[in-house]
Amino acid sequence: MMRSLVAPAVPAEGEDLTLRRNLSEADLEAALECGDLLWLDFSDATEAEITWLERVFKLHPAVVTDLKREDRRPTLLAYPDYLFLSLFQPRIRLNKVMGEEIHCIIGEQFFITVRKDGKSAVDSAYERAAQIPDNWRGGTAYLLYLTAQFVVDAYYPLLDRISNQLNEMEEAILMNGRSTTQKSVFRIKQQLIELRQMVAPQREVLSNVIGEERVARTGESRDLFRHLYERLLRIYDVIDAQRDLTSNILDLIESQEAAKLGNAVNRLTILSMIFLPLTFITGLFGLNFVTTDPEFRIPLSGALVMLFIIMITLFFGAVLIYMFRRRGWL
């Protein structure tokens, strides 16, 4: 599906700009011949629309091939009449970070975006350009800036969400002693790695855009793209900081598990120490290792001897329990 915005050749300061929307292909070709500025946005572009783009804007075959692919990295390619730029907007689906690829073609009179259907940063930039016609005074470079700005803005909600999850996990471990599964932490760490892999090449792309004269012609344009580049640098730093936080949480989980294991071993050791003398006493009285002639008999009834042994075992057990509690082991 194609939609379009067309602005007349930029009038003098003070004059109003009137935009035309959703022109036919023939009208778009005529507007291009007249020197008007065009923004063409394609969502789920058909083969016929790609062929029309190739014919009207004289696209290189490699660009046409890239428009049909979804496995490219963020990149900037310079051609004599236009620039080809790929950006990635992040999304989280099924706990995995997915990159929505946005192809941009920037020429002197035209700005073209090709993407998959669905809510995108392009929609926000397109509506902004449609609502504020004065944005067109900055030319196609400013349209590219609007699109890149909303793509960069899409990273912040995801990072805030991940940051809140990590803070809740850390607080739960430190304050409440509630355990957090390593699987959930590793899942977040993987999301951060995927975000980092998207941000790093886009940072280089914007750095190249700043040095491209056809886009950053004026100091104002360079400042706009330099601002986006600095924001991506900050996003990159935030991702690294959150990766460090995930490592700290994993260390806390491991120390918590080690402490639990240590406490379990301590309890088992204490129980073994308590029952050790009891086992010795009962075992000692249960052995017949000396025989005498005549047979030696204890001048007490069996009930009294059994009661005496029970009292001795309880006494030693109580003494050991008291000693362990005094030392803080119980």
C-alpha atoms as a PDB file:
ATOM      1  CA  MET A   1       0.000   0.000   0.000  1.00  0.00           C
ATOM      2  CA  MET A   2       1.301   3.439  -0.902  1.00  0.00           C
ATOM      3  CA  ARG A   3       0.472   6.807   0.567  1.00  0.00           C
ATOM      4  CA  SER A   4       2.034  10.130  -0.340  1.00  0.00           C
ATOM      5  CA  LEU A   5       2.543  13.711   0.694  1.00  0.00           C
ATOM      6  CA  VAL A   6       3.476  16.313  -1.881  1.00  0.00           C
ATOM      7  CA  ALA A   7       4.640  19.857  -1.160  1.00  0.00           C
ATOM      8  CA  PRO A   8       5.127  22.455  -3.848  1.00  0.00           C
ATOM      9  CA  ALA A   9       8.535  23.950  -4.496  1.00  0.00           C
ATOM     10  CA  VAL A  10       9.389  25.675  -1.234  1.00  0.00           C
ATOM     11  CA  PRO A  11       7.905  29.189  -1.320  1.00  0.00           C
ATOM     12  CA  ALA A  12       9.462  32.262   0.181  1.00  0.00           C
ATOM     13  CA  GLU A  13       9.352  32.905   3.901  1.00  0.00           C
ATOM     14  CA  GLY A  14       5.937  33.939   5.121  1.00  0.00           C
ATOM     15  CA  GLU A  15       3.992  32.095   2.433  1.00  0.00           C
ATOM     16  CA  ASP A  16       1.897  29.087   3.387  1.00  0.00           C
ATOM     17  CA  LEU A  17       2.696  25.570   2.252  1.00  0.00           C
ATOM     18  CA  THR A  18      -0.229  23.470   1.068  1.00  0.00           C
ATOM     19  CA  LEU A  19       0.258  19.715   1.036  1.00  0.00           C
ATOM     20  CA  ARG A  20      -1.449  17.299  -1.296  1.00  0.00           C
ATOM     21  CA  ARG A  21      -2.129  13.763  -0.124  1.00  0.00           C
ATOM     22  CA  ASN A  22      -2.291  10.336  -1.722  1.00  0.00           C
ATOM     23  CA  LEU A  23      -1.853  11.250  -5.380  1.00  0.00           C
ATOM     24  CA  SER A  24      -1.976   8.711  -8.155  1.00  0.00           C
ATOM     25  CA  GLU A  25       1.208   7.403  -9.719  1.00  0.00           C
ATOM     26  CA  ALA A  26       0.716   9.611 -12.784  1.00  0.00           C
ATOM     27  CA  ASP A  27       0.194  12.706 -10.612  1.00  0.00           C
ATOM     28  CA  LEU A  28       3.274  11.842  -8.573  1.00  0.00           C
ATOM     29  CA  GLU A  29       5.362  11.617 -11.733  1.00  0.00           C
ATOM     30  CA  ALA A  30       4.014  14.982 -12.854  1.00  0.00           C
ATOM     31  CA  ALA A  31       4.777  16.538  -9.445  1.00  0.00           C
ATOM     32  CA  LEU A  32       8.300  15.176  -9.663  1.00  0.00           C
ATOM     33  CA  GLU A  33       8.717  16.787 -13.073  1.00  0.00           C
ATOM     34  CA  CYS A  34       7.515  20.108 -11.636  1.00  0.00           C
ATOM     35  CA  GLY A  35      10.172  20.071  -8.907  1.00  0.00           C
ATOM     36  CA  ASP A  36       7.784  19.404  -5.990  1.00  0.00           C
ATOM     37  CA  LEU A  37       8.910  17.592  -2.834  1.00  0.00           C
ATOM     38  CA  LEU A  38       7.525  14.076  -2.330  1.00  0.00           C
ATOM     39  CA  TRP A  39       7.250  11.678   0.571  1.00  0.00           C
ATOM     40  CA  LEU A  40       6.178   8.219  -0.524  1.00  0.00           C
ATOM     41  CA  ASP A  41       5.485   5.685   2.206  1.00  0.00           C
ATOM     42  CA  PHE A  42       5.075   2.021   1.241  1.00  0.00           C
ATOM     43  CA  SER A  43       3.832  -0.583   3.705  1.00  0.00           C
ATOM     44  CA  ASP A  44       4.030  -4.175   2.428  1.00  0.00           C
ATOM     45  CA  ALA A  45       4.973  -2.894  -1.014  1.00  0.00           C
ATOM     46  CA  THR A  46       3.788  -5.055  -3.904  1.00  0.00           C
ATOM     47  CA  GLU A  47       5.953  -6.190  -6.783  1.00  0.00           C
ATOM     48  CA  ALA A  48       4.218  -3.665  -9.072  1.00  0.00           C
ATOM     49  CA  GLU A  49       4.939  -0.786  -6.682  1.00  0.00           C
ATOM     50  CA  ILE A  50       8.606  -1.781  -6.422  1.00  0.00           C
ATOM     51  CA  THR A  51       8.811  -1.937 -10.215  1.00  0.00           C
ATOM     52  CA  TRP A  52       7.234   1.532 -10.460  1.00  0.00           C
ATOM     53  CA  LEU A  53       9.759   2.895  -7.968  1.00  0.00           C
ATOM     54  CA  GLU A  54      12.616   1.365  -9.933  1.00  0.00           C
ATOM     55  CA  ARG A  55      11.408   2.941 -13.170  1.00  0.00           C
ATOM     56  CA  VAL A  56      10.495   6.417 -11.938  1.00  0.00           C
ATOM     57  CA  PHE A  57      13.407   7.005  -9.567  1.00  0.00           C
ATOM     58  CA  LYS A  58      15.963   4.966 -11.561  1.00  0.00           C
ATOM     59  CA  LEU A  59      16.898   2.774  -8.618  1.00  0.00           C
ATOM     60  CA  HIS A  60      19.973   0.598  -8.753  1.00  0.00           C
ATOM     61  CA  PRO A  61      19.202  -3.166  -9.013  1.00  0.00           C
ATOM     62  CA  ALA A  62      21.007  -3.735  -5.702  1.00  0.00           C
ATOM     63  CA  VAL A  63      18.663  -1.249  -4.018  1.00  0.00           C
ATOM     64  CA  VAL A  64      15.619  -2.974  -5.508  1.00  0.00           C
ATOM     65  CA  THR A  65      16.893  -6.297  -4.163  1.00  0.00           C
ATOM     66  CA  ASP A  66      17.461  -4.793  -0.717  1.00  0.00           C
ATOM     67  CA  LEU A  67      13.937  -3.375  -0.638  1.00  0.00           C
ATOM     68  CA  LYS A  68      12.600  -6.925  -0.848  1.00  0.00           C
ATOM     69  CA  ARG A  69      14.855  -8.294   1.885  1.00  0.00           C
ATOM     70  CA  GLU A  70      14.616  -8.154   5.671  1.00  0.00           C
ATOM     71  CA  ASP A  71      18.006  -9.475   6.699  1.00  0.00           C
ATOM     72  CA  ARG A  72      20.145  -6.395   6.221  1.00  0.00           C
ATOM     73  CA  ARG A  73      21.998  -4.491   8.898  1.00  0.00           C
ATOM     74  CA  PRO A  74      21.507  -0.726   9.351  1.00  0.00           C
ATOM     75  CA  THR A  75      23.499   0.759   6.514  1.00  0.00           C
ATOM     76  CA  LEU A  76      24.043   3.865   4.382  1.00  0.00           C
ATOM     77  CA  LEU A  77      24.820   3.551   0.670  1.00  0.00           C
ATOM     78  CA  ALA A  78      25.507   6.571  -1.548  1.00  0.00           C
ATOM     79  CA  TYR A  79      24.414   6.677  -5.196  1.00  0.00           C
ATOM     80  CA  PRO A  80      24.769   9.600  -7.627  1.00  0.00           C
ATOM     81  CA  ASP A  81      21.131  10.738  -7.374  1.00  0.00           C
ATOM     82  CA  TYR A  82      20.081   9.470  -3.950  1.00  0.00           C
ATOM     83  CA  LEU A  83      21.095   7.821  -0.682  1.00  0.00           C
ATOM     84  CA  PHE A  84      19.864   4.440   0.486  1.00  0.00           C
ATOM     85  CA  LEU A  85      19.493   4.143   4.252  1.00  0.00           C
ATOM     86  CA  SER A  86      18.265   1.299   6.474  1.00  0.00           C
ATOM     87  CA  LEU A  87      17.088   1.824  10.038  1.00  0.00           C
ATOM     88  CA  PHE A  88      15.758  -0.631  12.607  1.00  0.00           C
ATOM     89  CA  GLN A  89      12.924   0.047  15.026  1.00  0.00           C
ATOM     90  CA  PRO A  90      12.964  -2.354  18.009  1.00  0.00           C
ATOM     91  CA  ARG A  91       9.989  -4.365  19.195  1.00  0.00           C
ATOM     92  CA  ILE A  92       9.623  -7.095  21.831  1.00  0.00           C
ATOM     93  CA  ARG A  93       7.581 -10.094  20.739  1.00  0.00           C
ATOM     94  CA  LEU A  94       7.380 -13.298  22.760  1.00  0.00           C
ATOM     95  CA  ASN A  95      10.173 -12.008  25.026  1.00  0.00           C
ATOM     96  CA  LYS A  96      12.479 -11.542  22.037  1.00  0.00           C
ATOM     97  CA  VAL A  97      13.683  -8.268  20.537  1.00  0.00           C
ATOM     98  CA  MET A  98      12.696  -7.993  16.884  1.00  0.00           C
ATOM     99  CA  GLY A  99      13.913  -5.287  14.541  1.00  0.00           C
ATOM    100  CA  GLU A 100      11.407  -3.694  12.161  1.00  0.00           C
ATOM    101  CA  GLU A 101      13.451  -2.710   9.131  1.00  0.00           C
ATOM    102  CA  ILE A 102      12.737   0.679   7.573  1.00  0.00           C
ATOM    103  CA  HIS A 103      14.296   1.364   4.159  1.00  0.00           C
ATOM    104  CA  CYS A 104      14.762   5.032   3.307  1.00  0.00           C
ATOM    105  CA  ILE A 105      15.667   6.516  -0.071  1.00  0.00           C
ATOM    106  CA  ILE A 106      16.621  10.192   0.077  1.00  0.00           C
ATOM    107  CA  GLY A 107      16.936  12.342  -3.021  1.00  0.00           C
ATOM    108  CA  GLU A 108      16.913  16.022  -3.789  1.00  0.00           C
ATOM    109  CA  GLN A 109      13.136  16.060  -4.325  1.00  0.00           C
ATOM    110  CA  PHE A 110      11.913  12.816  -2.802  1.00  0.00           C
ATOM    111  CA  PHE A 111      11.946  10.846   0.413  1.00  0.00           C
ATOM    112  CA  ILE A 112      10.775   7.232   0.189  1.00  0.00           C
ATOM    113  CA  THR A 113      10.156   4.806   3.051  1.00  0.00           C
ATOM    114  CA  VAL A 114       9.537   1.095   2.494  1.00  0.00           C
ATOM    115  CA  ARG A 115       8.561  -1.104   5.442  1.00  0.00           C
ATOM    116  CA  LYS A 116       6.310  -3.847   6.686  1.00  0.00           C
ATOM    117  CA  ASP A 117       2.706  -3.064   7.568  1.00  0.00           C
ATOM    118  CA  GLY A 118       1.939  -2.207  11.190  1.00  0.00           C
ATOM    119  CA  LYS A 119       2.406   0.565  13.710  1.00  0.00           C
ATOM    120  CA  SER A 120       5.775   2.127  13.028  1.00  0.00           C
ATOM    121  CA  ALA A 121       7.919   5.155  13.766  1.00  0.00           C
ATOM    122  CA  VAL A 122       7.273   6.135  10.148  1.00  0.00           C
ATOM    123  CA  ASP A 123       3.580   6.646  10.956  1.00  0.00           C
ATOM    124  CA  SER A 124       4.412   9.145  13.691  1.00  0.00           C
ATOM    125  CA  ALA A 125       6.905  11.004  11.498  1.00  0.00           C
ATOM    126  CA  TYR A 126       4.486  10.991   8.548  1.00  0.00           C
ATOM    127  CA  GLU A 127       1.679  12.471  10.635  1.00  0.00           C
ATOM    128  CA  ARG A 128       4.036  15.104  12.057  1.00  0.00           C
ATOM    129  CA  ALA A 129       5.083  16.132   8.536  1.00  0.00           C
ATOM    130  CA  ALA A 130       1.440  16.215   7.426  1.00  0.00           C
ATOM    131  CA  GLN A 131       0.260  18.310  10.398  1.00  0.00           C
ATOM    132  CA  ILE A 132       3.107  20.834  10.303  1.00  0.00           C
ATOM    133  CA  PRO A 133       3.753  21.802   6.651  1.00  0.00           C
ATOM    134  CA  ASP A 134       6.553  24.159   7.665  1.00  0.00           C
ATOM    135  CA  ASN A 135       8.686  21.068   8.322  1.00  0.00           C
ATOM    136  CA  TRP A 136       9.008  20.750   4.559  1.00  0.00           C
ATOM    137  CA  ARG A 137      11.076  23.923   4.407  1.00  0.00           C
ATOM    138  CA  GLY A 138      13.963  21.819   5.662  1.00  0.00           C
ATOM    139  CA  GLY A 139      13.755  19.632   2.559  1.00  0.00           C
ATOM    140  CA  THR A 140      14.002  15.872   2.405  1.00  0.00           C
ATOM    141  CA  ALA A 141      16.858  15.925   4.940  1.00  0.00           C
ATOM    142  CA  TYR A 142      14.448  17.098   7.628  1.00  0.00           C
ATOM    143  CA  LEU A 143      11.976  14.332   6.715  1.00  0.00           C
ATOM    144  CA  LEU A 144      14.789  11.832   7.222  1.00  0.00           C
ATOM    145  CA  TYR A 145      15.574  13.465  10.560  1.00  0.00           C
ATOM    146  CA  LEU A 146      11.941  13.141  11.683  1.00  0.00           C
ATOM    147  CA  THR A 147      11.882   9.453  10.800  1.00  0.00           C
ATOM    148  CA  ALA A 148      15.232   8.728  12.473  1.00  0.00           C
ATOM    149  CA  GLN A 149      14.126  10.679  15.547  1.00  0.00           C
ATOM    150  CA  PHE A 150      11.036   8.518  16.073  1.00  0.00           C
ATOM    151  CA  VAL A 151      13.088   5.360  15.456  1.00  0.00           C
ATOM    152  CA  VAL A 152      15.529   6.436  18.178  1.00  0.00           C
ATOM    153  CA  ASP A 153      12.633   7.345  20.487  1.00  0.00           C
ATOM    154  CA  ALA A 154      11.311   3.786  20.156  1.00  0.00           C
ATOM    155  CA  TYR A 155      14.288   2.494  22.152  1.00  0.00           C
ATOM    156  CA  TYR A 156      13.471   4.420  25.322  1.00  0.00           C
ATOM    157  CA  PRO A 157      10.209   2.630  26.339  1.00  0.00           C
ATOM    158  CA  LEU A 158      11.900  -0.754  25.895  1.00  0.00           C
ATOM    159  CA  LEU A 159      14.903   0.292  27.965  1.00  0.00           C
ATOM    160  CA  ASP A 160      12.635   1.738  30.677  1.00  0.00           C
ATOM    161  CA  ARG A 161      10.662  -1.511  30.777  1.00  0.00           C
ATOM    162  CA  ILE A 162      13.824  -3.603  31.065  1.00  0.00           C
ATOM    163  CA  SER A 163      15.243  -1.240  33.697  1.00  0.00           C
ATOM    164  CA  ASN A 164      12.087  -1.540  35.815  1.00  0.00           C
ATOM    165  CA  GLN A 165      12.190  -5.337  35.594  1.00  0.00           C
ATOM    166  CA  LEU A 166      15.832  -5.438  36.674  1.00  0.00           C
ATOM    167  CA  ASN A 167      15.250  -3.030  39.555  1.00  0.00           C
ATOM    168  CA  GLU A 168      12.278  -5.083  40.782  1.00  0.00           C
ATOM    169  CA  MET A 169      14.359  -8.264  40.627  1.00  0.00           C
ATOM    170  CA  GLU A 170      17.243  -6.676  42.523  1.00  0.00           C
ATOM    171  CA  GLU A 171      14.933  -5.206  45.170  1.00  0.00           C
ATOM    172  CA  ALA A 172      13.153  -8.536  45.621  1.00  0.00           C
ATOM    173  CA  ILE A 173      16.468 -10.307  46.203  1.00  0.00           C
ATOM    174  CA  LEU A 174      17.943  -7.718  48.556  1.00  0.00           C
ATOM    175  CA  MET A 175      14.863  -6.674  50.548  1.00  0.00           C
ATOM    176  CA  ASN A 176      12.546  -9.654  50.628  1.00  0.00           C
ATOM    177  CA  GLY A 177      14.974 -12.488  50.056  1.00  0.00           C
ATOM    178  CA  ARG A 178      12.706 -13.751  47.295  1.00  0.00           C
ATOM    179  CA  SER A 179      14.579 -15.761  44.729  1.00  0.00           C
ATOM    180  CA  THR A 180      14.551 -14.903  41.033  1.00  0.00           C
ATOM    181  CA  THR A 181      15.082 -17.547  38.408  1.00  0.00           C
ATOM    182  CA  GLN A 182      18.228 -17.271  36.354  1.00  0.00           C
ATOM    183  CA  LYS A 183      16.193 -17.983  33.221  1.00  0.00           C
ATOM    184  CA  SER A 184      14.321 -14.664  33.470  1.00  0.00           C
ATOM    185  CA  VAL A 185      17.565 -12.739  34.011  1.00  0.00           C
ATOM    186  CA  PHE A 186      19.253 -14.465  31.068  1.00  0.00           C
ATOM    187  CA  ARG A 187      16.223 -13.645  28.915  1.00  0.00           C
ATOM    188  CA  ILE A 188      16.591  -9.943  29.726  1.00  0.00           C
ATOM    189  CA  LYS A 189      20.329 -10.132  29.122  1.00  0.00           C
ATOM    190  CA  GLN A 190      19.671 -11.612  25.691  1.00  0.00           C
ATOM    191  CA  GLN A 191      17.245  -8.779  24.920  1.00  0.00           C
ATOM    192  CA  LEU A 192      19.927  -6.243  25.823  1.00  0.00           C
ATOM    193  CA  ILE A 193      22.432  -7.984  23.576  1.00  0.00           C
ATOM    194  CA  GLU A 194      19.973  -7.876  20.675  1.00  0.00           C
ATOM    195  CA  LEU A 195      19.290  -4.171  21.304  1.00  0.00           C
ATOM    196  CA  ARG A 196      23.017  -3.502  21.408  1.00  0.00           C
ATOM    197  CA  GLN A 197      23.469  -5.246  18.072  1.00  0.00           C
ATOM    198  CA  MET A 198      20.846  -2.927  16.556  1.00  0.00           C
ATOM    199  CA  VAL A 199      22.101   0.289  18.132  1.00  0.00           C
ATOM    200  CA  ALA A 200      25.797  -0.136  17.307  1.00  0.00           C
ATOM    201  CA  PRO A 201      25.472  -0.144  13.477  1.00  0.00           C
ATOM    202  CA  GLN A 202      22.800   2.592  13.530  1.00  0.00           C
ATOM    203  CA  ARG A 203      25.206   4.744  15.484  1.00  0.00           C
ATOM    204  CA  GLU A 204      27.737   4.329  12.679  1.00  0.00           C
ATOM    205  CA  VAL A 205      25.062   5.064  10.076  1.00  0.00           C
ATOM    206  CA  LEU A 206      24.150   8.380  11.701  1.00  0.00           C
ATOM    207  CA  SER A 207      27.830   9.216  12.000  1.00  0.00           C
ATOM    208  CA  ASN A 208      28.139   8.736   8.223  1.00  0.00           C
ATOM    209  CA  VAL A 209      25.003  10.804   7.628  1.00  0.00           C
ATOM    210  CA  ILE A 210      26.580  13.726   9.475  1.00  0.00           C
ATOM    211  CA  GLY A 211      29.453  13.650   6.977  1.00  0.00           C
ATOM    212  CA  GLU A 212      27.191  13.325   3.926  1.00  0.00           C
ATOM    213  CA  GLU A 213      26.879  16.742   2.264  1.00  0.00           C
ATOM    214  CA  ARG A 214      23.676  15.893   0.429  1.00  0.00           C
ATOM    215  CA  VAL A 215      21.885  15.433   3.768  1.00  0.00           C
ATOM    216  CA  ALA A 216      23.751  17.648   6.226  1.00  0.00           C
ATOM    217  CA  ARG A 217      24.265  20.629   3.971  1.00  0.00           C
ATOM    218  CA  THR A 218      23.903  23.304   6.611  1.00  0.00           C
ATOM    219  CA  GLY A 219      25.181  23.606  10.149  1.00  0.00           C
ATOM    220  CA  GLU A 220      21.597  23.326  11.409  1.00  0.00           C
ATOM    221  CA  SER A 221      21.086  19.994   9.637  1.00  0.00           C
ATOM    222  CA  ARG A 222      24.375  18.652  10.958  1.00  0.00           C
ATOM    223  CA  ASP A 223      23.405  19.690  14.469  1.00  0.00           C
ATOM    224  CA  LEU A 224      20.096  17.804  14.181  1.00  0.00           C
ATOM    225  CA  PHE A 225      21.753  14.556  13.128  1.00  0.00           C
ATOM    226  CA  ARG A 226      24.587  15.077  15.610  1.00  0.00           C
ATOM    227  CA  HIS A 227      21.943  15.320  18.341  1.00  0.00           C
ATOM    228  CA  LEU A 228      20.479  11.976  17.234  1.00  0.00           C
ATOM    229  CA  TYR A 229      23.958  10.473  17.183  1.00  0.00           C
ATOM    230  CA  GLU A 230      24.571  11.620  20.771  1.00  0.00           C
ATOM    231  CA  ARG A 231      21.237  10.147  21.846  1.00  0.00           C
ATOM    232  CA  LEU A 232      22.206   6.809  20.351  1.00  0.00           C
ATOM    233  CA  LEU A 233      25.492   7.014  22.250  1.00  0.00           C
ATOM    234  CA  ARG A 234      23.555   7.497  25.482  1.00  0.00           C
ATOM    235  CA  ILE A 235      21.249   4.579  24.604  1.00  0.00           C
ATOM    236  CA  TYR A 236      24.322   2.446  23.983  1.00  0.00           C
ATOM    237  CA  ASP A 237      25.711   3.424  27.392  1.00  0.00           C
ATOM    238  CA  VAL A 238      22.389   2.640  29.080  1.00  0.00           C
ATOM    239  CA  ILE A 239      22.345  -0.805  27.466  1.00  0.00           C
ATOM    240  CA  ASP A 240      25.873  -1.505  28.733  1.00  0.00           C
ATOM    241  CA  ALA A 241      24.917  -0.305  32.216  1.00  0.00           C
ATOM    242  CA  GLN A 242      21.872  -2.583  32.260  1.00  0.00           C
ATOM    243  CA  ARG A 243      23.987  -5.506  31.086  1.00  0.00           C
ATOM    244  CA  ASP A 244      26.260  -4.874  34.058  1.00  0.00           C
ATOM    245  CA  LEU A 245      23.191  -4.822  36.289  1.00  0.00           C
ATOM    246  CA  THR A 246      22.074  -8.204  34.953  1.00  0.00           C
ATOM    247  CA  SER A 247      25.525  -9.581  35.799  1.00  0.00           C
ATOM    248  CA  ASN A 248      25.198  -8.191  39.325  1.00  0.00           C
ATOM    249  CA  ILE A 249      21.762  -9.781  39.715  1.00  0.00           C
ATOM    250  CA  LEU A 250      23.141 -13.112  38.527  1.00  0.00           C
ATOM    251  CA  ASP A 251      25.920 -12.797  41.111  1.00  0.00           C
ATOM    252  CA  LEU A 252      23.307 -12.076  43.794  1.00  0.00           C
ATOM    253  CA  ILE A 253      21.299 -15.131  42.750  1.00  0.00           C
ATOM    254  CA  GLU A 254      24.404 -17.315  42.842  1.00  0.00           C
ATOM    255  CA  SER A 255      25.407 -15.981  46.272  1.00  0.00           C
ATOM    256  CA  GLN A 256      21.842 -16.513  47.495  1.00  0.00           C
ATOM    257  CA  GLU A 257      21.845 -20.102  46.256  1.00  0.00           C
ATOM    258  CA  ALA A 258      25.283 -20.661  47.801  1.00  0.00           C
ATOM    259  CA  ALA A 259      24.031 -19.269  51.122  1.00  0.00           C
ATOM    260  CA  LYS A 260      21.004 -21.588  51.018  1.00  0.00           C
ATOM    261  CA  LEU A 261      23.229 -24.553  50.277  1.00  0.00           C
ATOM    262  CA  GLY A 262      25.586 -23.543  53.092  1.00  0.00           C
ATOM    263  CA  ASN A 263      22.701 -23.244  55.542  1.00  0.00           C
ATOM    264  CA  ALA A 264      21.412 -26.672  54.538  1.00  0.00           C
ATOM    265  CA  VAL A 265      24.861 -28.209  55.007  1.00  0.00           C
ATOM    266  CA  ASN A 266      25.194 -26.478  58.396  1.00  0.00           C
ATOM    267  CA  ARG A 267      21.851 -27.861  59.578  1.00  0.00           C
ATOM    268  CA  LEU A 268      22.752 -31.369  58.476  1.00  0.00           C
ATOM    269  CA  THR A 269      26.144 -31.084  60.194  1.00  0.00           C
ATOM    270  CA  ILE A 270      24.567 -29.872  63.444  1.00  0.00           C
ATOM    271  CA  LEU A 271      22.011 -32.690  63.396  1.00  0.00           C
ATOM    272  CA  SER A 272      24.801 -35.176  62.798  1.00  0.00           C
ATOM    273  CA  MET A 273      26.797 -33.751  65.723  1.00  0.00           C
ATOM    274  CA  ILE A 274      23.744 -33.922  68.008  1.00  0.00           C
ATOM    275  CA  PHE A 275      22.999 -37.532  67.170  1.00  0.00           C
ATOM    276  CA  LEU A 276      26.624 -38.668  67.188  1.00  0.00           C
ATOM    277  CA  PRO A 277      27.014 -38.999  71.010  1.00  0.00           C
ATOM    278  CA  LEU A 278      23.489 -40.386  71.260  1.00  0.00           C
ATOM    279  CA  THR A 279      24.310 -43.085  68.754  1.00  0.00           C
ATOM    280  CA  PHE A 280      27.558 -43.838  70.582  1.00  0.00           C
ATOM    281  CA  ILE A 281      25.842 -44.236  73.948  1.00  0.00           C
ATOM    282  CA  THR A 282      23.014 -46.417  72.690  1.00  0.00           C
ATOM    283  CA  GLY A 283      25.432 -48.485  70.664  1.00  0.00           C
ATOM    284  CA  LEU A 284      27.782 -48.915  73.620  1.00  0.00           C
ATOM    285  CA  PHE A 285      25.086 -50.258  75.898  1.00  0.00           C
ATOM    286  CA  GLY A 286      23.852 -52.530  73.163  1.00  0.00           C
ATOM    287  CA  LEU A 287      27.165 -54.393  72.789  1.00  0.00           C
ATOM    288  CA  ASN A 288      28.195 -57.555  74.601  1.00  0.00           C
ATOM    289  CA  PHE A 289      31.970 -57.420  74.330  1.00  0.00           C
ATOM    290  CA  VAL A 290      32.948 -58.803  77.823  1.00  0.00           C
ATOM    291  CA  THR A 291      31.927 -62.153  79.315  1.00  0.00           C
ATOM    292  CA  THR A 292      32.569 -63.125  82.919  1.00  0.00           C
ATOM    293  CA  ASP A 293      32.219 -66.331  84.883  1.00  0.00           C
ATOM    294  CA  PRO A 294      30.048 -66.158  86.839  1.00  0.00           C
ATOM    295  CA  GLU A 295      27.938 -63.805  84.681  1.00  0.00           C
ATOM    296  CA  PHE A 296      28.014 -60.153  85.746  1.00  0.00           C
ATOM    297  CA  ARG A 297      24.617 -58.639  86.425  1.00  0.00           C
ATOM    298  CA  ILE A 298      23.708 -55.034  87.102  1.00  0.00           C
ATOM    299  CA  PRO A 299      21.748 -54.850  90.307  1.00  0.00           C
ATOM    300  CA  LEU A 300      19.036 -52.755  88.679  1.00  0.00           C
ATOM    301  CA  SER A 301      15.913 -53.555  86.799  1.00  0.00           C
ATOM    302  CA  GLY A 302      15.909 -53.274  83.019  1.00  0.00           C
ATOM    303  CA  ALA A 303      13.351 -50.426  83.130  1.00  0.00           C
ATOM    304  CA  LEU A 304      15.657 -48.313  85.329  1.00  0.00           C
ATOM    305  CA  VAL A 305      18.674 -48.994  83.089  1.00  0.00           C
ATOM    306  CA  MET A 306      16.665 -48.018  79.995  1.00  0.00           C
ATOM    307  CA  LEU A 307      15.427 -44.847  81.736  1.00  0.00           C
ATOM    308  CA  PHE A 308      19.023 -44.004  82.736  1.00  0.00           C
ATOM    309  CA  ILE A 309      20.251 -44.371  79.155  1.00  0.00           C
ATOM    310  CA  ILE A 310      17.411 -42.219  77.852  1.00  0.00           C
ATOM    311  CA  MET A 311      18.211 -39.510  80.403  1.00  0.00           C
ATOM    312  CA  ILE A 312      21.897 -39.532  79.438  1.00  0.00           C
ATOM    313  CA  THR A 313      21.095 -39.211  75.733  1.00  0.00           C
ATOM    314  CA  LEU A 314      18.591 -36.395  76.346  1.00  0.00           C
ATOM    315  CA  PHE A 315      21.104 -34.613  78.590  1.00  0.00           C
ATOM    316  CA  PHE A 316      23.857 -34.713  75.994  1.00  0.00           C
ATOM    317  CA  GLY A 317      21.436 -33.680  73.264  1.00  0.00           C
ATOM    318  CA  ALA A 318      20.211 -30.703  75.320  1.00  0.00           C
ATOM    319  CA  VAL A 319      23.782 -29.650  76.116  1.00  0.00           C
ATOM    320  CA  LEU A 320      24.777 -29.725  72.424  1.00  0.00           C
ATOM    321  CA  ILE A 321      21.686 -27.781  71.377  1.00  0.00           C
ATOM    322  CA  TYR A 322      22.400 -25.148  74.055  1.00  0.00           C
ATOM    323  CA  MET A 323      26.013 -24.808  72.923  1.00  0.00           C
ATOM    324  CA  PHE A 324      25.052 -24.449  69.251  1.00  0.00           C
ATOM    325  CA  ARG A 325      22.490 -21.779  70.068  1.00  0.00           C
ATOM    326  CA  ARG A 326      24.988 -19.855  72.184  1.00  0.00           C
ATOM    327  CA  ARG A 327      27.351 -19.816  69.200  1.00  0.00           C
ATOM    328  CA  GLY A 328      24.582 -18.765  66.802  1.00  0.00           C
ATOM    329  CA  TRP A 329      24.673 -21.966  64.783  1.00  0.00           C
ATOM    330  CA  LEU A 330      21.001 -22.682  65.379  1.00  0.00           C
END
